[in-house]
Amino acid sequence: MRSTCDTFFSKCYDALIWGDYLYKVL
């Protein structure tokens, strides 16, 4: 997931945070 947004880190930063959060919660 991180590698996918690596190129668009600035735009996917929030998505990464929420993605990691949901991944840990679920």
PDB file of N, CA and C in Angstrom:
ATOM      1  N   MET A   1       0.835  -1.205   0.000  1.00  0.00           N
ATOM      2  CA  MET A   1       0.000   0.000   0.000  1.00  0.00           C
ATOM      3  C   MET A   1       0.870   1.256   0.000  1.00  0.00           C
ATOM      4  N   ARG A   2       1.879   1.222   0.851  1.00  0.00           N
ATOM      5  CA  ARG A   2       2.780   2.371   0.903  1.00  0.00           C
ATOM      6  C   ARG A   2       3.506   2.559  -0.433  1.00  0.00           C
ATOM      7  N   SER A   3       3.978   1.446  -0.991  1.00  0.00           N
ATOM      8  CA  SER A   3       4.708   1.513  -2.257  1.00  0.00           C
ATOM      9  C   SER A   3       3.815   2.038  -3.373  1.00  0.00           C
ATOM     10  N   THR A   4       2.520   1.731  -3.297  1.00  0.00           N
ATOM     11  CA  THR A   4       1.578   2.166  -4.328  1.00  0.00           C
ATOM     12  C   THR A   4       1.418   3.674  -4.303  1.00  0.00           C
ATOM     13  N   CYS A   5       1.412   4.264  -3.108  1.00  0.00           N
ATOM     14  CA  CYS A   5       1.228   5.707  -2.975  1.00  0.00           C
ATOM     15  C   CYS A   5       2.561   6.439  -2.867  1.00  0.00           C
ATOM     16  N   ASP A   6       3.649   5.706  -3.021  1.00  0.00           N
ATOM     17  CA  ASP A   6       4.972   6.303  -2.896  1.00  0.00           C
ATOM     18  C   ASP A   6       5.133   7.490  -3.829  1.00  0.00           C
ATOM     19  N   THR A   7       4.664   7.347  -5.071  1.00  0.00           N
ATOM     20  CA  THR A   7       4.822   8.412  -6.048  1.00  0.00           C
ATOM     21  C   THR A   7       3.901   9.583  -5.749  1.00  0.00           C
ATOM     22  N   PHE A   8       2.768   9.304  -5.163  1.00  0.00           N
ATOM     23  CA  PHE A   8       1.812  10.365  -4.836  1.00  0.00           C
ATOM     24  C   PHE A   8       1.695  10.512  -3.322  1.00  0.00           C
ATOM     25  N   PHE A   9       2.837  10.450  -2.657  1.00  0.00           N
ATOM     26  CA  PHE A   9       2.858  10.471  -1.196  1.00  0.00           C
ATOM     27  C   PHE A   9       2.122  11.687  -0.641  1.00  0.00           C
ATOM     28  N   SER A  10       2.349  12.846  -1.271  1.00  0.00           N
ATOM     29  CA  SER A  10       1.726  14.079  -0.786  1.00  0.00           C
ATOM     30  C   SER A  10       0.207  13.997  -0.822  1.00  0.00           C
ATOM     31  N   LYS A  11      -0.328  13.277  -1.819  1.00  0.00           N
ATOM     32  CA  LYS A  11      -1.784  13.178  -1.951  1.00  0.00           C
ATOM     33  C   LYS A  11      -2.328  11.956  -1.238  1.00  0.00           C
ATOM     34  N   CYS A  12      -1.492  10.949  -1.047  1.00  0.00           N
ATOM     35  CA  CYS A  12      -1.950   9.703  -0.430  1.00  0.00           C
ATOM     36  C   CYS A  12      -1.578   9.629   1.042  1.00  0.00           C
ATOM     37  N   TYR A  13      -0.972  10.692   1.571  1.00  0.00           N
ATOM     38  CA  TYR A  13      -0.537  10.677   2.967  1.00  0.00           C
ATOM     39  C   TYR A  13      -1.693  10.349   3.903  1.00  0.00           C
ATOM     40  N   ASP A  14      -2.798  11.084   3.755  1.00  0.00           N
ATOM     41  CA  ASP A  14      -3.974  10.831   4.595  1.00  0.00           C
ATOM     42  C   ASP A  14      -4.506   9.429   4.358  1.00  0.00           C
ATOM     43  N   ALA A  15      -4.521   9.010   3.113  1.00  0.00           N
ATOM     44  CA  ALA A  15      -5.027   7.679   2.768  1.00  0.00           C
ATOM     45  C   ALA A  15      -4.167   6.612   3.442  1.00  0.00           C
ATOM     46  N   LEU A  16      -2.857   6.852   3.497  1.00  0.00           N
ATOM     47  CA  LEU A  16      -1.955   5.888   4.126  1.00  0.00           C
ATOM     48  C   LEU A  16      -2.232   5.796   5.619  1.00  0.00           C
ATOM     49  N   ILE A  17      -2.414   6.945   6.245  1.00  0.00           N
ATOM     50  CA  ILE A  17      -2.680   6.972   7.689  1.00  0.00           C
ATOM     51  C   ILE A  17      -3.968   6.229   8.001  1.00  0.00           C
ATOM     52  N   TRP A  18      -5.042   6.549   7.282  1.00  0.00           N
ATOM     53  CA  TRP A  18      -6.325   5.885   7.510  1.00  0.00           C
ATOM     54  C   TRP A  18      -6.236   4.418   7.139  1.00  0.00           C
ATOM     55  N   GLY A  19      -5.509   4.101   6.078  1.00  0.00           N
ATOM     56  CA  GLY A  19      -5.364   2.712   5.643  1.00  0.00           C
ATOM     57  C   GLY A  19      -4.666   1.880   6.713  1.00  0.00           C
ATOM     58  N   ASP A  20      -3.570   2.407   7.258  1.00  0.00           N
ATOM     59  CA  ASP A  20      -2.844   1.689   8.311  1.00  0.00           C
ATOM     60  C   ASP A  20      -3.714   1.567   9.556  1.00  0.00           C
ATOM     61  N   TYR A  21      -4.451   2.632   9.879  1.00  0.00           N
ATOM     62  CA  TYR A  21      -5.315   2.628  11.059  1.00  0.00           C
ATOM     63  C   TYR A  21      -6.394   1.566  10.932  1.00  0.00           C
ATOM     64  N   LEU A  22      -7.099   1.577   9.804  1.00  0.00           N
ATOM     65  CA  LEU A  22      -8.167   0.601   9.586  1.00  0.00           C
ATOM     66  C   LEU A  22      -7.596  -0.812   9.546  1.00  0.00           C
ATOM     67  N   TYR A  23      -6.418  -0.961   8.938  1.00  0.00           N
ATOM     68  CA  TYR A  23      -5.793  -2.285   8.842  1.00  0.00           C
ATOM     69  C   TYR A  23      -5.496  -2.840  10.234  1.00  0.00           C
ATOM     70  N   LYS A  24      -5.011  -1.989  11.116  1.00  0.00           N
ATOM     71  CA  LYS A  24      -4.683  -2.427  12.478  1.00  0.00           C
ATOM     72  C   LYS A  24      -5.959  -2.701  13.265  1.00  0.00           C
ATOM     73  N   VAL A  25      -6.971  -1.870  13.071  1.00  0.00           N
ATOM     74  CA  VAL A  25      -8.235  -2.034  13.800  1.00  0.00           C
ATOM     75  C   VAL A  25      -8.951  -3.301  13.340  1.00  0.00           C
ATOM     76  N   LEU A  26      -9.015  -3.512  12.022  1.00  0.00           N
ATOM     77  CA  LEU A  26      -9.691  -4.687  11.495  1.00  0.00           C
ATOM     78  C   LEU A  26      -8.803  -5.908  11.677  1.00  0.00           C
TER      79      LEU A  26
END
